[in-house]
Amino acid sequence: MRLTTDSKTVRAIALALLGLLLVLAAVPAVAQEQQPTRVVTADEVNAVARDLFCPVCESTPLDVCPTQACADWREVIRTKLSQGQSPEEIRAYFAEQYGVRALAEPPREGFSLGVWIAPIAGVAIGAFLFSRYLRRIRAAAPATTAAGPPPAIPEPPRDDYQARIEQELQERFGS
């Protein structure tokens, strides 16, 4: 089978069009505006991770947890920091995705406000009750001392054995 000049030309044009098509398909991917990224240090990641809790381990800060889930979360933090997001935006993202239980410090609004108020109220109520208890004790103490000296406690009866031991001790040591 012998190719004629026309078929060679058609084949060359087809290959050229195919190459042009591939180049045009790659141009949008290259031309996409790349978000500026910066190098994020482990200290920056840990500063944000310190304010988040591990999704797997209970009450373990994200910056010290060795689980794979925490490593993945720290990588998400690194990516978001390199994209220019602030630590507050990242905390808000995790709170939105996983709930406020992911935050080390619950927000000071709504139902979570009770977490902030309850300890203060507990200490105040405890101090008030303790002061009332002390006043009651102080009020009861003068009433007993005003009545006079406490009654004398009678000595227990001595048995014969104890009396003999005391007599022997007096004879030996002469007191």
N, C-alpha and C. Protein backbone atom coordinates (compact mmCIF):
# COMPACT_ATOMS: atom_id res chain seq x y z
N MET A 1 0.85 -1.16 0.00
CA MET A 1 0.00 0.00 0.00
C MET A 1 0.90 1.24 0.00
N ARG A 2 0.67 1.99 -0.92
CA ARG A 2 1.50 3.13 -1.13
C ARG A 2 0.73 4.40 -0.84
N LEU A 3 1.34 5.24 0.02
CA LEU A 3 0.66 6.47 0.38
C LEU A 3 0.98 7.54 -0.64
N THR A 4 -0.02 8.22 -0.96
CA THR A 4 0.19 9.31 -1.90
C THR A 4 0.53 10.57 -1.13
N THR A 5 0.91 11.55 -1.85
CA THR A 5 1.29 12.80 -1.23
C THR A 5 0.11 13.42 -0.51
N ASP A 6 -1.06 13.23 -1.06
CA ASP A 6 -2.24 13.80 -0.43
C ASP A 6 -2.54 13.13 0.90
N SER A 7 -2.39 11.83 0.96
CA SER A 7 -2.67 11.15 2.23
C SER A 7 -1.62 11.47 3.28
N LYS A 8 -0.36 11.67 2.86
CA LYS A 8 0.69 12.08 3.80
C LYS A 8 0.40 13.47 4.33
N THR A 9 -0.08 14.31 3.51
CA THR A 9 -0.39 15.67 3.91
C THR A 9 -1.56 15.67 4.89
N VAL A 10 -2.56 14.85 4.58
CA VAL A 10 -3.72 14.76 5.46
C VAL A 10 -3.29 14.22 6.83
N ARG A 11 -2.44 13.21 6.81
CA ARG A 11 -1.95 12.62 8.07
C ARG A 11 -1.14 13.66 8.85
N ALA A 12 -0.31 14.42 8.24
CA ALA A 12 0.50 15.43 8.90
C ALA A 12 -0.38 16.53 9.47
N ILE A 13 -1.41 16.91 8.71
CA ILE A 13 -2.32 17.93 9.19
C ILE A 13 -3.11 17.40 10.41
N ALA A 14 -3.51 16.14 10.36
CA ALA A 14 -4.25 15.53 11.47
C ALA A 14 -3.37 15.47 12.72
N LEU A 15 -2.11 15.09 12.55
CA LEU A 15 -1.21 15.04 13.70
C LEU A 15 -0.95 16.45 14.26
N ALA A 16 -0.82 17.42 13.37
CA ALA A 16 -0.61 18.79 13.81
C ALA A 16 -1.82 19.30 14.58
N LEU A 17 -3.03 18.99 14.08
CA LEU A 17 -4.25 19.39 14.78
C LEU A 17 -4.37 18.70 16.15
N LEU A 18 -4.01 17.42 16.18
CA LEU A 18 -4.05 16.68 17.44
C LEU A 18 -3.07 17.30 18.45
N GLY A 19 -1.87 17.64 18.00
CA GLY A 19 -0.89 18.29 18.87
C GLY A 19 -1.37 19.64 19.34
N LEU A 20 -1.99 20.42 18.44
CA LEU A 20 -2.53 21.72 18.81
C LEU A 20 -3.65 21.58 19.83
N LEU A 21 -4.49 20.55 19.63
CA LEU A 21 -5.58 20.28 20.56
C LEU A 21 -5.04 19.93 21.95
N LEU A 22 -4.00 19.12 22.03
CA LEU A 22 -3.39 18.77 23.32
C LEU A 22 -2.78 20.00 23.99
N VAL A 23 -2.14 20.85 23.21
CA VAL A 23 -1.56 22.06 23.78
C VAL A 23 -2.65 22.99 24.30
N LEU A 24 -3.72 23.11 23.55
CA LEU A 24 -4.82 23.97 23.99
C LEU A 24 -5.52 23.41 25.23
N ALA A 25 -5.58 22.11 25.34
CA ALA A 25 -6.20 21.50 26.51
C ALA A 25 -5.34 21.73 27.76
N ALA A 26 -4.04 21.79 27.60
CA ALA A 26 -3.14 21.96 28.74
C ALA A 26 -3.03 23.42 29.16
N VAL A 27 -3.32 24.34 28.26
CA VAL A 27 -3.17 25.76 28.57
C VAL A 27 -4.04 26.20 29.74
N PRO A 28 -5.35 25.83 29.82
CA PRO A 28 -6.13 26.28 30.97
C PRO A 28 -5.58 25.79 32.31
N ALA A 29 -5.05 24.58 32.33
CA ALA A 29 -4.50 24.06 33.58
C ALA A 29 -3.28 24.85 34.00
N VAL A 30 -2.47 25.26 33.05
CA VAL A 30 -1.27 26.03 33.36
C VAL A 30 -1.65 27.48 33.65
N ALA A 31 -2.67 27.96 32.95
CA ALA A 31 -3.04 29.36 33.07
C ALA A 31 -3.86 29.65 34.32
N GLN A 32 -4.33 28.61 35.00
CA GLN A 32 -5.11 28.87 36.21
C GLN A 32 -4.26 29.65 37.19
N GLU A 33 -4.93 30.58 37.83
CA GLU A 33 -4.21 31.43 38.77
C GLU A 33 -3.88 30.61 40.00
N GLN A 34 -2.62 30.45 40.26
CA GLN A 34 -2.17 29.71 41.41
C GLN A 34 -2.23 30.63 42.63
N GLN A 35 -2.79 30.12 43.71
CA GLN A 35 -2.82 30.92 44.92
C GLN A 35 -1.41 30.96 45.49
N PRO A 36 -1.00 32.11 45.92
CA PRO A 36 0.35 32.19 46.46
C PRO A 36 0.45 31.34 47.72
N THR A 37 1.45 30.52 47.78
CA THR A 37 1.65 29.67 48.95
C THR A 37 2.93 30.12 49.63
N ARG A 38 2.96 29.93 50.91
CA ARG A 38 4.15 30.27 51.67
C ARG A 38 4.55 29.05 52.48
N VAL A 39 5.76 29.04 52.91
CA VAL A 39 6.26 27.93 53.71
C VAL A 39 5.75 28.12 55.13
N VAL A 40 5.10 27.10 55.66
CA VAL A 40 4.53 27.15 57.00
C VAL A 40 5.38 26.27 57.91
N THR A 41 5.81 26.82 59.02
CA THR A 41 6.64 26.06 59.95
C THR A 41 5.77 25.19 60.86
N ALA A 42 6.40 24.22 61.47
CA ALA A 42 5.68 23.34 62.41
C ALA A 42 5.20 24.12 63.63
N ASP A 43 5.94 25.16 64.02
CA ASP A 43 5.51 25.98 65.16
C ASP A 43 4.21 26.71 64.85
N GLU A 44 4.07 27.20 63.62
CA GLU A 44 2.84 27.88 63.24
C GLU A 44 1.66 26.92 63.23
N VAL A 45 1.90 25.71 62.73
CA VAL A 45 0.85 24.69 62.71
C VAL A 45 0.46 24.32 64.13
N ASN A 46 1.45 24.12 64.99
CA ASN A 46 1.17 23.73 66.38
C ASN A 46 0.50 24.84 67.17
N ALA A 47 0.77 26.09 66.82
CA ALA A 47 0.11 27.20 67.50
C ALA A 47 -1.40 27.15 67.27
N VAL A 48 -1.82 26.76 66.08
CA VAL A 48 -3.24 26.62 65.78
C VAL A 48 -3.76 25.29 66.34
N ALA A 49 -2.97 24.23 66.18
CA ALA A 49 -3.39 22.89 66.62
C ALA A 49 -3.56 22.82 68.13
N ARG A 50 -2.86 23.66 68.86
CA ARG A 50 -2.96 23.68 70.32
C ARG A 50 -4.36 24.05 70.78
N ASP A 51 -5.07 24.81 69.95
CA ASP A 51 -6.41 25.26 70.29
C ASP A 51 -7.51 24.33 69.80
N LEU A 52 -7.12 23.15 69.29
CA LEU A 52 -8.08 22.16 68.80
C LEU A 52 -7.86 20.84 69.51
N PHE A 53 -8.93 20.06 69.64
CA PHE A 53 -8.83 18.74 70.28
C PHE A 53 -8.88 17.65 69.24
N CYS A 54 -8.24 16.55 69.55
CA CYS A 54 -8.20 15.37 68.69
C CYS A 54 -9.61 14.82 68.50
N PRO A 55 -9.99 14.41 67.27
CA PRO A 55 -11.32 13.85 67.05
C PRO A 55 -11.44 12.42 67.57
N VAL A 56 -10.32 11.77 67.82
CA VAL A 56 -10.33 10.36 68.24
C VAL A 56 -10.09 10.22 69.74
N CYS A 57 -9.03 10.85 70.23
CA CYS A 57 -8.67 10.76 71.65
C CYS A 57 -9.42 11.83 72.43
N GLU A 58 -9.92 11.48 73.58
CA GLU A 58 -10.69 12.44 74.37
C GLU A 58 -9.75 13.36 75.13
N SER A 59 -10.00 14.64 75.05
CA SER A 59 -9.27 15.68 75.79
C SER A 59 -7.78 15.70 75.50
N THR A 60 -7.40 15.42 74.26
CA THR A 60 -6.00 15.47 73.87
C THR A 60 -5.83 16.58 72.84
N PRO A 61 -4.97 17.57 73.13
CA PRO A 61 -4.76 18.63 72.15
C PRO A 61 -4.19 18.06 70.85
N LEU A 62 -4.56 18.68 69.77
CA LEU A 62 -4.18 18.21 68.44
C LEU A 62 -2.68 18.28 68.20
N ASP A 63 -1.99 19.21 68.85
CA ASP A 63 -0.57 19.38 68.60
C ASP A 63 0.30 18.27 69.21
N VAL A 64 -0.23 17.51 70.17
CA VAL A 64 0.56 16.45 70.80
C VAL A 64 0.02 15.05 70.54
N CYS A 65 -1.08 14.94 69.85
CA CYS A 65 -1.71 13.63 69.63
C CYS A 65 -0.99 12.87 68.50
N PRO A 66 -0.65 11.60 68.72
CA PRO A 66 0.10 10.85 67.72
C PRO A 66 -0.76 10.11 66.68
N THR A 67 -2.08 10.23 66.73
CA THR A 67 -2.93 9.45 65.82
C THR A 67 -2.84 9.99 64.39
N GLN A 68 -3.22 9.13 63.45
CA GLN A 68 -3.20 9.51 62.04
C GLN A 68 -4.23 10.60 61.76
N ALA A 69 -5.38 10.55 62.44
CA ALA A 69 -6.41 11.57 62.25
C ALA A 69 -5.85 12.94 62.59
N CYS A 70 -5.08 13.03 63.67
CA CYS A 70 -4.50 14.33 64.06
C CYS A 70 -3.43 14.77 63.07
N ALA A 71 -2.66 13.81 62.56
CA ALA A 71 -1.67 14.17 61.54
C ALA A 71 -2.37 14.73 60.30
N ASP A 72 -3.49 14.15 59.93
CA ASP A 72 -4.27 14.65 58.79
C ASP A 72 -4.80 16.06 59.08
N TRP A 73 -5.30 16.28 60.29
CA TRP A 73 -5.82 17.59 60.66
C TRP A 73 -4.70 18.63 60.65
N ARG A 74 -3.53 18.25 61.15
CA ARG A 74 -2.41 19.19 61.14
C ARG A 74 -2.01 19.54 59.69
N GLU A 75 -2.13 18.57 58.79
CA GLU A 75 -1.83 18.84 57.38
C GLU A 75 -2.87 19.79 56.78
N VAL A 76 -4.13 19.64 57.18
CA VAL A 76 -5.17 20.58 56.74
C VAL A 76 -4.85 21.98 57.24
N ILE A 77 -4.41 22.07 58.49
CA ILE A 77 -4.03 23.37 59.05
C ILE A 77 -2.87 23.97 58.27
N ARG A 78 -1.87 23.14 57.96
CA ARG A 78 -0.71 23.62 57.20
C ARG A 78 -1.14 24.15 55.84
N THR A 79 -2.04 23.42 55.17
CA THR A 79 -2.52 23.84 53.86
C THR A 79 -3.26 25.16 53.95
N LYS A 80 -4.14 25.28 54.93
CA LYS A 80 -4.94 26.49 55.06
C LYS A 80 -4.06 27.69 55.44
N LEU A 81 -3.04 27.47 56.27
CA LEU A 81 -2.12 28.56 56.60
C LEU A 81 -1.32 28.98 55.37
N SER A 82 -0.89 28.01 54.57
CA SER A 82 -0.12 28.35 53.37
C SER A 82 -0.98 29.08 52.35
N GLN A 83 -2.30 28.90 52.40
CA GLN A 83 -3.21 29.61 51.50
C GLN A 83 -3.54 31.00 52.04
N GLY A 84 -3.04 31.33 53.22
CA GLY A 84 -3.22 32.67 53.75
C GLY A 84 -4.37 32.83 54.73
N GLN A 85 -4.98 31.72 55.15
CA GLN A 85 -6.07 31.84 56.11
C GLN A 85 -5.52 32.12 57.51
N SER A 86 -6.28 32.86 58.28
CA SER A 86 -5.86 33.22 59.63
C SER A 86 -6.19 32.07 60.60
N PRO A 87 -5.55 32.03 61.76
CA PRO A 87 -5.87 30.99 62.75
C PRO A 87 -7.34 31.02 63.17
N GLU A 88 -7.94 32.21 63.25
CA GLU A 88 -9.36 32.29 63.62
C GLU A 88 -10.24 31.66 62.55
N GLU A 89 -9.89 31.87 61.28
CA GLU A 89 -10.65 31.26 60.19
C GLU A 89 -10.52 29.74 60.21
N ILE A 90 -9.34 29.25 60.56
CA ILE A 90 -9.12 27.81 60.61
C ILE A 90 -9.91 27.20 61.77
N ARG A 91 -9.90 27.86 62.93
CA ARG A 91 -10.68 27.36 64.07
C ARG A 91 -12.17 27.36 63.73
N ALA A 92 -12.63 28.40 63.05
CA ALA A 92 -14.03 28.46 62.64
C ALA A 92 -14.36 27.34 61.65
N TYR A 93 -13.43 27.02 60.77
CA TYR A 93 -13.64 25.92 59.82
C TYR A 93 -13.82 24.60 60.57
N PHE A 94 -12.93 24.32 61.54
CA PHE A 94 -13.02 23.06 62.29
C PHE A 94 -14.28 23.02 63.15
N ALA A 95 -14.67 24.16 63.71
CA ALA A 95 -15.90 24.20 64.52
C ALA A 95 -17.11 23.94 63.63
N GLU A 96 -17.07 24.46 62.41
CA GLU A 96 -18.19 24.25 61.49
C GLU A 96 -18.23 22.80 61.01
N GLN A 97 -17.07 22.23 60.74
CA GLN A 97 -17.01 20.87 60.22
C GLN A 97 -17.28 19.81 61.29
N TYR A 98 -16.74 20.00 62.50
CA TYR A 98 -16.77 18.96 63.52
C TYR A 98 -17.50 19.36 64.79
N GLY A 99 -18.02 20.56 64.86
CA GLY A 99 -18.74 21.01 66.04
C GLY A 99 -17.80 21.68 67.03
N VAL A 100 -18.39 22.32 68.03
CA VAL A 100 -17.58 23.06 69.00
C VAL A 100 -16.77 22.13 69.90
N ARG A 101 -17.06 20.85 69.89
CA ARG A 101 -16.26 19.91 70.69
C ARG A 101 -14.82 19.82 70.19
N ALA A 102 -14.58 20.25 68.94
CA ALA A 102 -13.23 20.24 68.39
C ALA A 102 -12.39 21.39 68.93
N LEU A 103 -13.03 22.38 69.50
CA LEU A 103 -12.31 23.55 70.01
C LEU A 103 -11.86 23.31 71.44
N ALA A 104 -10.64 23.72 71.75
CA ALA A 104 -10.14 23.59 73.12
C ALA A 104 -10.83 24.59 74.04
N GLU A 105 -11.20 25.73 73.50
CA GLU A 105 -11.87 26.76 74.27
C GLU A 105 -13.25 26.99 73.65
N PRO A 106 -14.31 26.59 74.36
CA PRO A 106 -15.65 26.76 73.78
C PRO A 106 -15.98 28.23 73.57
N PRO A 107 -16.83 28.52 72.59
CA PRO A 107 -17.17 29.92 72.34
C PRO A 107 -17.93 30.52 73.53
N ARG A 108 -17.77 31.80 73.72
CA ARG A 108 -18.42 32.48 74.86
C ARG A 108 -19.76 33.06 74.42
N GLU A 109 -20.61 32.16 73.94
CA GLU A 109 -21.93 32.58 73.49
C GLU A 109 -22.87 31.39 73.56
N GLY A 110 -24.14 31.67 73.65
CA GLY A 110 -25.16 30.62 73.63
C GLY A 110 -25.04 29.67 74.81
N PHE A 111 -25.29 28.40 74.56
CA PHE A 111 -25.27 27.38 75.60
C PHE A 111 -23.87 27.22 76.19
N SER A 112 -22.84 27.41 75.39
CA SER A 112 -21.46 27.25 75.85
C SER A 112 -21.07 28.31 76.87
N LEU A 113 -21.84 29.37 76.95
CA LEU A 113 -21.55 30.42 77.93
C LEU A 113 -21.61 29.86 79.35
N GLY A 114 -22.44 28.83 79.56
CA GLY A 114 -22.53 28.19 80.87
C GLY A 114 -21.23 27.57 81.32
N VAL A 115 -20.40 27.12 80.38
CA VAL A 115 -19.10 26.56 80.72
C VAL A 115 -18.21 27.62 81.35
N TRP A 116 -18.38 28.85 80.95
CA TRP A 116 -17.59 29.94 81.49
C TRP A 116 -18.17 30.47 82.80
N ILE A 117 -19.49 30.48 82.92
CA ILE A 117 -20.14 31.07 84.09
C ILE A 117 -20.22 30.09 85.26
N ALA A 118 -20.43 28.80 85.00
CA ALA A 118 -20.65 27.81 86.06
C ALA A 118 -19.52 27.77 87.09
N PRO A 119 -18.24 27.73 86.71
CA PRO A 119 -17.19 27.69 87.75
C PRO A 119 -17.17 28.95 88.62
N ILE A 120 -17.38 30.10 88.02
CA ILE A 120 -17.38 31.34 88.79
C ILE A 120 -18.56 31.36 89.76
N ALA A 121 -19.73 30.96 89.25
CA ALA A 121 -20.91 30.91 90.11
C ALA A 121 -20.73 29.87 91.22
N GLY A 122 -20.14 28.73 90.91
CA GLY A 122 -19.91 27.70 91.92
C GLY A 122 -19.00 28.18 93.05
N VAL A 123 -17.94 28.88 92.68
CA VAL A 123 -17.02 29.40 93.70
C VAL A 123 -17.72 30.45 94.55
N ALA A 124 -18.50 31.33 93.91
CA ALA A 124 -19.21 32.37 94.66
C ALA A 124 -20.23 31.77 95.62
N ILE A 125 -21.00 30.79 95.16
CA ILE A 125 -22.00 30.14 96.02
C ILE A 125 -21.31 29.39 97.16
N GLY A 126 -20.22 28.70 96.84
CA GLY A 126 -19.47 27.99 97.89
C GLY A 126 -18.92 28.92 98.94
N ALA A 127 -18.37 30.07 98.53
CA ALA A 127 -17.85 31.04 99.49
C ALA A 127 -18.97 31.60 100.37
N PHE A 128 -20.13 31.87 99.77
CA PHE A 128 -21.27 32.38 100.53
C PHE A 128 -21.72 31.35 101.57
N LEU A 129 -21.86 30.08 101.18
CA LEU A 129 -22.30 29.04 102.12
C LEU A 129 -21.27 28.81 103.22
N PHE A 130 -19.97 28.86 102.88
CA PHE A 130 -18.93 28.68 103.88
C PHE A 130 -18.94 29.83 104.88
N SER A 131 -19.15 31.06 104.43
CA SER A 131 -19.18 32.18 105.36
C SER A 131 -20.39 32.08 106.30
N ARG A 132 -21.53 31.62 105.78
CA ARG A 132 -22.69 31.42 106.65
C ARG A 132 -22.42 30.33 107.68
N TYR A 133 -21.73 29.28 107.29
CA TYR A 133 -21.38 28.20 108.21
C TYR A 133 -20.47 28.73 109.32
N LEU A 134 -19.47 29.53 108.95
CA LEU A 134 -18.57 30.09 109.96
C LEU A 134 -19.31 31.02 110.92
N ARG A 135 -20.24 31.82 110.41
CA ARG A 135 -21.03 32.70 111.29
C ARG A 135 -21.85 31.89 112.27
N ARG A 136 -22.43 30.80 111.81
CA ARG A 136 -23.25 29.95 112.68
C ARG A 136 -22.38 29.33 113.78
N ILE A 137 -21.16 28.92 113.44
CA ILE A 137 -20.26 28.34 114.44
C ILE A 137 -19.87 29.41 115.46
N ARG A 138 -19.54 30.62 114.99
CA ARG A 138 -19.14 31.70 115.90
C ARG A 138 -20.29 32.12 116.79
N ALA A 139 -21.49 32.10 116.28
CA ALA A 139 -22.65 32.48 117.08
C ALA A 139 -22.93 31.43 118.15
N ALA A 140 -22.67 30.18 117.86
CA ALA A 140 -22.92 29.10 118.83
C ALA A 140 -21.82 29.03 119.88
N ALA A 141 -20.60 29.43 119.60
CA ALA A 141 -19.48 29.33 120.53
C ALA A 141 -19.65 30.22 121.76
N PRO A 142 -20.01 31.50 121.67
CA PRO A 142 -20.16 32.32 122.88
C PRO A 142 -21.29 31.83 123.78
N ALA A 143 -22.30 31.23 123.25
CA ALA A 143 -23.40 30.75 124.08
C ALA A 143 -22.92 29.65 125.01
N THR A 144 -22.05 28.80 124.60
CA THR A 144 -21.56 27.73 125.46
C THR A 144 -20.56 28.25 126.47
N THR A 145 -19.75 29.27 126.13
CA THR A 145 -18.77 29.78 127.09
C THR A 145 -19.43 30.69 128.11
N ALA A 146 -20.53 31.32 127.78
CA ALA A 146 -21.21 32.21 128.72
C ALA A 146 -21.91 31.41 129.82
N ALA A 147 -22.22 30.20 129.61
CA ALA A 147 -22.92 29.38 130.60
C ALA A 147 -22.01 28.99 131.75
N GLY A 148 -20.74 29.13 131.61
CA GLY A 148 -19.83 28.77 132.69
C GLY A 148 -18.85 27.71 132.22
N PRO A 149 -18.04 27.26 133.16
CA PRO A 149 -17.06 26.25 132.77
C PRO A 149 -17.76 24.92 132.47
N PRO A 150 -17.15 24.15 131.65
CA PRO A 150 -17.77 22.85 131.34
C PRO A 150 -17.79 21.98 132.59
N PRO A 151 -18.74 21.09 132.68
CA PRO A 151 -18.81 20.23 133.87
C PRO A 151 -17.57 19.34 133.97
N ALA A 152 -17.18 19.08 135.24
CA ALA A 152 -15.99 18.26 135.47
C ALA A 152 -16.29 16.81 135.08
N ILE A 153 -15.31 16.21 134.49
CA ILE A 153 -15.46 14.81 134.09
C ILE A 153 -14.99 13.95 135.26
N PRO A 154 -15.87 13.08 135.73
CA PRO A 154 -15.46 12.26 136.87
C PRO A 154 -14.37 11.27 136.45
N GLU A 155 -13.48 11.01 137.41
CA GLU A 155 -12.42 10.05 137.11
C GLU A 155 -13.00 8.65 137.07
N PRO A 156 -12.48 7.85 136.19
CA PRO A 156 -12.98 6.47 136.13
C PRO A 156 -12.55 5.72 137.38
N PRO A 157 -13.34 4.76 137.78
CA PRO A 157 -12.97 4.01 138.99
C PRO A 157 -11.67 3.23 138.76
N ARG A 158 -10.85 3.19 139.81
CA ARG A 158 -9.58 2.47 139.71
C ARG A 158 -9.78 1.04 140.14
N ASP A 159 -9.14 0.21 139.42
CA ASP A 159 -9.21 -1.18 139.86
C ASP A 159 -8.03 -1.48 140.78
N ASP A 160 -8.06 -2.59 141.40
CA ASP A 160 -7.07 -2.96 142.40
C ASP A 160 -5.69 -3.10 141.78
N TYR A 161 -5.59 -3.62 140.58
CA TYR A 161 -4.31 -3.86 139.92
C TYR A 161 -3.60 -2.53 139.64
N GLN A 162 -4.34 -1.58 139.15
CA GLN A 162 -3.76 -0.28 138.83
C GLN A 162 -3.29 0.41 140.12
N ALA A 163 -4.03 0.28 141.19
CA ALA A 163 -3.64 0.90 142.46
C ALA A 163 -2.34 0.29 142.99
N ARG A 164 -2.17 -1.02 142.86
CA ARG A 164 -0.94 -1.67 143.32
C ARG A 164 0.27 -1.22 142.50
N ILE A 165 0.09 -1.06 141.17
CA ILE A 165 1.21 -0.65 140.31
C ILE A 165 1.64 0.77 140.69
N GLU A 166 0.70 1.64 140.93
CA GLU A 166 1.04 3.01 141.31
C GLU A 166 1.76 3.04 142.65
N GLN A 167 1.33 2.18 143.58
CA GLN A 167 1.97 2.13 144.89
C GLN A 167 3.40 1.64 144.77
N GLU A 168 3.65 0.64 143.97
CA GLU A 168 5.01 0.13 143.78
C GLU A 168 5.90 1.17 143.12
N LEU A 169 5.39 1.91 142.16
CA LEU A 169 6.17 2.94 141.49
C LEU A 169 6.56 4.03 142.47
N GLN A 170 5.65 4.37 143.37
CA GLN A 170 5.95 5.42 144.36
C GLN A 170 7.01 4.93 145.34
N GLU A 171 6.93 3.67 145.69
CA GLU A 171 7.92 3.15 146.62
C GLU A 171 9.30 3.09 145.99
N ARG A 172 9.39 2.68 144.74
CA ARG A 172 10.70 2.55 144.08
C ARG A 172 11.32 3.90 143.72
N PHE A 173 10.51 4.77 143.19
CA PHE A 173 11.08 6.02 142.68
C PHE A 173 10.83 7.19 143.61
N GLY A 174 10.06 7.00 144.61
CA GLY A 174 9.86 7.98 145.66
C GLY A 174 9.29 9.32 145.20
N SER A 175 8.25 9.32 144.52
CA SER A 175 7.72 10.63 144.16
C SER A 175 6.47 10.97 144.89
